[in-house]
């Protein structure tokens, strides 16, 4: 089950990376795609919390949850920029992606320790 969760996070991150590249090239995506990306990310975080409760004591997974929540807050800030039809700040986009990669790295570390 945890493997599917990793796959979901990778899918969400791949979509986010594609969004960032398109944004950098000046092509703003429809708001609906941003909403879908965010909802899928939140669903993945909720599923991760459920897995962490079921398999307690795996510290990297707990840290990954915290990092992904911070990532989601950054995504909410980006969504606010997008909803107000402003250009996304590159620094926030890069931090959002960096936090997502850090969360995924922690998740991989925790995956190897899952019972």
N, C-alpha and C. Protein backbone atom coordinates (compact mmCIF):
# COMPACT_ATOMS: atom_id res chain seq x y z
N UNK A 1 0.83 -1.19 0.00
CA UNK A 1 0.00 0.00 0.00
C UNK A 1 0.87 1.25 0.00
N UNK A 2 1.96 1.19 0.75
CA UNK A 2 2.86 2.34 0.85
C UNK A 2 3.50 2.65 -0.51
N UNK A 3 3.71 1.62 -1.31
CA UNK A 3 4.29 1.82 -2.64
C UNK A 3 3.34 2.65 -3.51
N UNK A 4 2.05 2.39 -3.41
CA UNK A 4 1.07 3.18 -4.16
C UNK A 4 1.07 4.64 -3.70
N UNK A 5 1.25 4.82 -2.40
CA UNK A 5 1.31 6.17 -1.86
C UNK A 5 2.52 6.92 -2.40
N UNK A 6 3.66 6.25 -2.46
CA UNK A 6 4.84 6.86 -3.06
C UNK A 6 4.58 7.23 -4.52
N UNK A 7 3.93 6.34 -5.23
CA UNK A 7 3.60 6.61 -6.63
C UNK A 7 2.70 7.82 -6.78
N UNK A 8 1.74 7.97 -5.87
CA UNK A 8 0.85 9.13 -5.92
C UNK A 8 1.63 10.42 -5.68
N UNK A 9 2.52 10.41 -4.70
CA UNK A 9 3.33 11.61 -4.46
C UNK A 9 4.21 11.92 -5.66
N UNK A 10 4.78 10.91 -6.28
CA UNK A 10 5.62 11.14 -7.46
C UNK A 10 4.78 11.71 -8.61
N UNK A 11 3.56 11.20 -8.78
CA UNK A 11 2.66 11.72 -9.81
C UNK A 11 2.32 13.19 -9.57
N UNK A 12 1.99 13.52 -8.33
CA UNK A 12 1.67 14.91 -7.99
C UNK A 12 2.88 15.80 -8.23
N UNK A 13 4.06 15.31 -7.86
CA UNK A 13 5.27 16.11 -8.04
C UNK A 13 5.64 16.27 -9.51
N UNK A 14 5.43 15.24 -10.30
CA UNK A 14 5.72 15.34 -11.74
C UNK A 14 4.80 16.37 -12.39
N UNK A 15 3.53 16.35 -11.99
CA UNK A 15 2.60 17.36 -12.50
C UNK A 15 3.02 18.76 -12.08
N UNK A 16 3.44 18.90 -10.83
CA UNK A 16 3.89 20.20 -10.35
C UNK A 16 5.13 20.69 -11.08
N UNK A 17 6.04 19.77 -11.37
CA UNK A 17 7.25 20.15 -12.12
C UNK A 17 6.88 20.62 -13.53
N UNK A 18 5.93 19.92 -14.15
CA UNK A 18 5.47 20.34 -15.48
C UNK A 18 4.81 21.71 -15.41
N UNK A 19 4.03 21.96 -14.36
CA UNK A 19 3.40 23.27 -14.18
C UNK A 19 4.46 24.35 -14.05
N UNK A 20 5.50 24.07 -13.28
CA UNK A 20 6.56 25.06 -13.05
C UNK A 20 7.29 25.39 -14.35
N UNK A 21 7.56 24.37 -15.15
CA UNK A 21 8.24 24.60 -16.43
C UNK A 21 7.36 25.45 -17.35
N UNK A 22 6.09 25.12 -17.43
CA UNK A 22 5.18 25.90 -18.28
C UNK A 22 5.05 27.33 -17.78
N UNK A 23 4.98 27.49 -16.47
CA UNK A 23 4.89 28.83 -15.88
C UNK A 23 6.13 29.64 -16.21
N UNK A 24 7.28 29.00 -16.12
CA UNK A 24 8.54 29.67 -16.43
C UNK A 24 8.58 30.13 -17.89
N UNK A 25 7.95 29.35 -18.76
CA UNK A 25 7.90 29.70 -20.19
C UNK A 25 6.81 30.70 -20.52
N UNK A 26 6.09 31.16 -19.48
CA UNK A 26 5.08 32.18 -19.70
C UNK A 26 3.69 31.66 -20.03
N UNK A 27 3.48 30.37 -19.90
CA UNK A 27 2.16 29.79 -20.20
C UNK A 27 1.45 29.48 -18.88
N UNK A 28 0.53 30.31 -18.50
CA UNK A 28 -0.23 30.08 -17.28
C UNK A 28 -1.25 28.97 -17.51
N UNK A 29 -1.35 28.08 -16.56
CA UNK A 29 -2.28 26.95 -16.67
C UNK A 29 -3.66 27.37 -16.18
N UNK A 30 -4.68 26.67 -16.63
CA UNK A 30 -6.02 26.95 -16.11
C UNK A 30 -6.08 26.70 -14.60
N UNK A 31 -6.88 27.49 -13.93
CA UNK A 31 -7.01 27.39 -12.48
C UNK A 31 -7.48 26.00 -12.05
N UNK A 32 -8.29 25.36 -12.89
CA UNK A 32 -8.80 24.03 -12.56
C UNK A 32 -7.67 23.01 -12.39
N UNK A 33 -6.62 23.12 -13.21
CA UNK A 33 -5.49 22.20 -13.08
C UNK A 33 -4.73 22.43 -11.78
N UNK A 34 -4.60 23.68 -11.39
CA UNK A 34 -3.95 23.99 -10.12
C UNK A 34 -4.76 23.43 -8.95
N UNK A 35 -6.07 23.56 -9.03
CA UNK A 35 -6.94 23.03 -7.98
C UNK A 35 -6.80 21.51 -7.91
N UNK A 36 -6.81 20.85 -9.07
CA UNK A 36 -6.67 19.39 -9.10
C UNK A 36 -5.34 18.96 -8.49
N UNK A 37 -4.26 19.65 -8.84
CA UNK A 37 -2.93 19.35 -8.31
C UNK A 37 -2.94 19.49 -6.78
N UNK A 38 -3.55 20.56 -6.29
CA UNK A 38 -3.61 20.78 -4.85
C UNK A 38 -4.45 19.74 -4.12
N UNK A 39 -5.60 19.43 -4.67
CA UNK A 39 -6.47 18.44 -4.03
C UNK A 39 -5.83 17.06 -4.03
N UNK A 40 -5.16 16.71 -5.11
CA UNK A 40 -4.47 15.43 -5.16
C UNK A 40 -3.34 15.40 -4.13
N UNK A 41 -2.63 16.51 -3.98
CA UNK A 41 -1.57 16.59 -2.97
C UNK A 41 -2.11 16.46 -1.56
N UNK A 42 -3.22 17.13 -1.27
CA UNK A 42 -3.83 17.04 0.05
C UNK A 42 -4.33 15.62 0.31
N UNK A 43 -4.91 14.98 -0.70
CA UNK A 43 -5.36 13.59 -0.55
C UNK A 43 -4.17 12.68 -0.23
N UNK A 44 -3.04 12.92 -0.88
CA UNK A 44 -1.85 12.12 -0.62
C UNK A 44 -1.36 12.33 0.81
N UNK A 45 -1.41 13.58 1.29
CA UNK A 45 -0.99 13.85 2.67
C UNK A 45 -1.91 13.16 3.66
N UNK A 46 -3.21 13.22 3.42
CA UNK A 46 -4.17 12.54 4.31
C UNK A 46 -3.90 11.04 4.34
N UNK A 47 -3.68 10.45 3.18
CA UNK A 47 -3.37 9.03 3.09
C UNK A 47 -2.07 8.72 3.83
N UNK A 48 -1.09 9.60 3.72
CA UNK A 48 0.18 9.42 4.41
C UNK A 48 -0.02 9.47 5.93
N UNK A 49 -0.84 10.38 6.40
CA UNK A 49 -1.13 10.45 7.83
C UNK A 49 -1.80 9.15 8.30
N UNK A 50 -2.71 8.63 7.50
CA UNK A 50 -3.37 7.38 7.85
C UNK A 50 -2.36 6.23 7.93
N UNK A 51 -1.41 6.20 7.01
CA UNK A 51 -0.37 5.16 7.03
C UNK A 51 0.54 5.34 8.24
N UNK A 52 0.85 6.59 8.59
CA UNK A 52 1.72 6.85 9.73
C UNK A 52 1.05 6.42 11.04
N UNK A 53 -0.26 6.61 11.13
CA UNK A 53 -0.99 6.17 12.32
C UNK A 53 -1.00 4.65 12.39
N UNK A 54 -1.13 4.00 11.26
CA UNK A 54 -1.16 2.53 11.23
C UNK A 54 0.21 1.92 11.52
N UNK A 55 1.27 2.63 11.17
CA UNK A 55 2.64 2.13 11.36
C UNK A 55 3.43 3.17 12.16
N UNK A 56 3.13 3.26 13.43
CA UNK A 56 3.72 4.30 14.26
C UNK A 56 5.20 4.07 14.50
N UNK A 57 5.90 5.18 14.77
CA UNK A 57 7.28 5.11 15.17
C UNK A 57 8.30 5.22 14.06
N UNK A 58 7.87 5.52 12.85
CA UNK A 58 8.82 5.67 11.74
C UNK A 58 9.07 7.17 11.58
N UNK A 59 10.15 7.64 12.21
CA UNK A 59 10.44 9.07 12.30
C UNK A 59 10.53 9.77 10.94
N UNK A 60 11.22 9.21 9.92
CA UNK A 60 11.27 9.93 8.64
C UNK A 60 9.89 10.16 8.02
N UNK A 61 8.97 9.24 8.23
CA UNK A 61 7.61 9.41 7.70
C UNK A 61 6.93 10.56 8.43
N UNK A 62 7.12 10.64 9.75
CA UNK A 62 6.52 11.74 10.51
C UNK A 62 7.09 13.09 10.06
N UNK A 63 8.39 13.13 9.81
CA UNK A 63 9.00 14.36 9.31
C UNK A 63 8.50 14.69 7.90
N UNK A 64 8.31 13.66 7.09
CA UNK A 64 7.79 13.87 5.74
C UNK A 64 6.41 14.50 5.79
N UNK A 65 5.58 14.08 6.75
CA UNK A 65 4.25 14.67 6.90
C UNK A 65 4.37 16.16 7.17
N UNK A 66 5.26 16.52 8.10
CA UNK A 66 5.45 17.93 8.43
C UNK A 66 5.92 18.73 7.21
N UNK A 67 6.89 18.18 6.48
CA UNK A 67 7.41 18.87 5.30
C UNK A 67 6.34 18.99 4.23
N UNK A 68 5.55 17.95 4.03
CA UNK A 68 4.48 18.03 3.02
C UNK A 68 3.39 19.02 3.41
N UNK A 69 3.12 19.15 4.72
CA UNK A 69 2.14 20.15 5.15
C UNK A 69 2.68 21.55 4.86
N UNK A 70 3.96 21.78 5.14
CA UNK A 70 4.56 23.07 4.80
C UNK A 70 4.54 23.30 3.29
N UNK A 71 4.76 22.24 2.53
CA UNK A 71 4.69 22.33 1.07
C UNK A 71 3.29 22.74 0.64
N UNK A 72 2.29 22.14 1.26
CA UNK A 72 0.90 22.47 0.93
C UNK A 72 0.58 23.93 1.25
N UNK A 73 1.13 24.43 2.34
CA UNK A 73 0.91 25.84 2.68
C UNK A 73 1.54 26.75 1.63
N UNK A 74 2.72 26.39 1.16
CA UNK A 74 3.34 27.15 0.07
C UNK A 74 2.51 27.07 -1.20
N UNK A 75 1.94 25.90 -1.45
CA UNK A 75 1.06 25.74 -2.60
C UNK A 75 -0.19 26.59 -2.48
N UNK A 76 -0.69 26.74 -1.27
CA UNK A 76 -1.85 27.60 -1.04
C UNK A 76 -1.50 29.06 -1.35
N UNK A 77 -0.30 29.46 -0.99
CA UNK A 77 0.15 30.81 -1.33
C UNK A 77 0.24 30.98 -2.85
N UNK A 78 0.78 29.98 -3.53
CA UNK A 78 0.85 30.04 -4.99
C UNK A 78 -0.54 30.08 -5.61
N UNK A 79 -1.46 29.33 -5.03
CA UNK A 79 -2.83 29.34 -5.52
C UNK A 79 -3.45 30.74 -5.37
N UNK A 80 -3.14 31.41 -4.27
CA UNK A 80 -3.66 32.76 -4.06
C UNK A 80 -3.14 33.70 -5.16
N UNK A 81 -1.88 33.56 -5.51
CA UNK A 81 -1.33 34.36 -6.61
C UNK A 81 -2.05 34.03 -7.92
N UNK A 82 -2.24 32.73 -8.17
CA UNK A 82 -2.87 32.30 -9.41
C UNK A 82 -4.32 32.78 -9.47
N UNK A 83 -5.04 32.67 -8.35
CA UNK A 83 -6.46 33.07 -8.33
C UNK A 83 -6.62 34.57 -8.53
N UNK A 84 -5.62 35.35 -8.10
CA UNK A 84 -5.70 36.79 -8.29
C UNK A 84 -5.06 37.22 -9.61
N UNK A 85 -4.76 36.24 -10.45
CA UNK A 85 -4.23 36.46 -11.80
C UNK A 85 -2.89 37.20 -11.81
N UNK A 86 -2.10 36.94 -10.78
CA UNK A 86 -0.76 37.51 -10.73
C UNK A 86 0.24 36.46 -11.18
N UNK A 87 1.37 36.93 -11.63
CA UNK A 87 2.45 36.01 -12.01
C UNK A 87 3.00 35.37 -10.74
N UNK A 88 3.28 34.08 -10.81
CA UNK A 88 3.79 33.37 -9.64
C UNK A 88 5.24 33.78 -9.37
N UNK A 89 5.57 34.10 -8.11
CA UNK A 89 6.96 34.44 -7.78
C UNK A 89 7.85 33.19 -7.92
N UNK A 90 8.91 33.33 -8.69
CA UNK A 90 9.79 32.19 -8.95
C UNK A 90 10.37 31.62 -7.67
N UNK A 91 10.71 32.48 -6.72
CA UNK A 91 11.28 31.99 -5.46
C UNK A 91 10.30 31.09 -4.72
N UNK A 92 9.04 31.45 -4.70
CA UNK A 92 8.03 30.63 -4.00
C UNK A 92 7.81 29.32 -4.76
N UNK A 93 7.80 29.38 -6.07
CA UNK A 93 7.66 28.16 -6.88
C UNK A 93 8.83 27.21 -6.59
N UNK A 94 10.05 27.76 -6.56
CA UNK A 94 11.22 26.91 -6.31
C UNK A 94 11.22 26.36 -4.90
N UNK A 95 10.83 27.16 -3.91
CA UNK A 95 10.76 26.66 -2.54
C UNK A 95 9.69 25.57 -2.40
N UNK A 96 8.57 25.78 -3.05
CA UNK A 96 7.50 24.78 -3.04
C UNK A 96 8.00 23.44 -3.59
N UNK A 97 8.72 23.50 -4.70
CA UNK A 97 9.28 22.29 -5.29
C UNK A 97 10.37 21.68 -4.43
N UNK A 98 11.21 22.51 -3.83
CA UNK A 98 12.29 22.02 -2.98
C UNK A 98 11.74 21.31 -1.75
N UNK A 99 10.72 21.88 -1.15
CA UNK A 99 10.10 21.23 -0.01
C UNK A 99 9.46 19.90 -0.41
N UNK A 100 8.85 19.86 -1.59
CA UNK A 100 8.23 18.62 -2.06
C UNK A 100 9.29 17.53 -2.26
N UNK A 101 10.43 17.90 -2.83
CA UNK A 101 11.52 16.94 -3.04
C UNK A 101 12.07 16.46 -1.69
N UNK A 102 12.21 17.38 -0.74
CA UNK A 102 12.69 17.01 0.59
C UNK A 102 11.71 16.05 1.27
N UNK A 103 10.42 16.33 1.13
CA UNK A 103 9.41 15.44 1.71
C UNK A 103 9.47 14.06 1.08
N UNK A 104 9.66 14.03 -0.23
CA UNK A 104 9.74 12.73 -0.91
C UNK A 104 10.98 11.96 -0.48
N UNK A 105 12.09 12.66 -0.28
CA UNK A 105 13.31 11.99 0.19
C UNK A 105 13.09 11.40 1.58
N UNK A 106 12.44 12.14 2.45
CA UNK A 106 12.12 11.62 3.78
C UNK A 106 11.16 10.43 3.69
N UNK A 107 10.23 10.53 2.77
CA UNK A 107 9.28 9.44 2.59
C UNK A 107 9.98 8.17 2.11
N UNK A 108 10.93 8.32 1.20
CA UNK A 108 11.70 7.16 0.75
C UNK A 108 12.52 6.57 1.90
N UNK A 109 13.10 7.44 2.74
CA UNK A 109 13.86 6.96 3.89
C UNK A 109 12.95 6.19 4.85
N UNK A 110 11.74 6.70 5.05
CA UNK A 110 10.80 6.01 5.93
C UNK A 110 10.26 4.74 5.31
N UNK A 111 10.14 4.71 3.99
CA UNK A 111 9.62 3.53 3.31
C UNK A 111 10.51 2.31 3.57
N UNK A 112 11.80 2.53 3.62
CA UNK A 112 12.72 1.42 3.87
C UNK A 112 12.61 0.91 5.30
N UNK A 113 12.02 1.68 6.20
CA UNK A 113 11.89 1.28 7.60
C UNK A 113 10.48 0.83 7.97
N UNK A 114 9.58 0.86 6.99
CA UNK A 114 8.20 0.45 7.28
C UNK A 114 8.13 -1.05 7.51
N UNK A 115 7.36 -1.45 8.53
CA UNK A 115 7.23 -2.90 8.80
C UNK A 115 6.42 -3.62 7.75
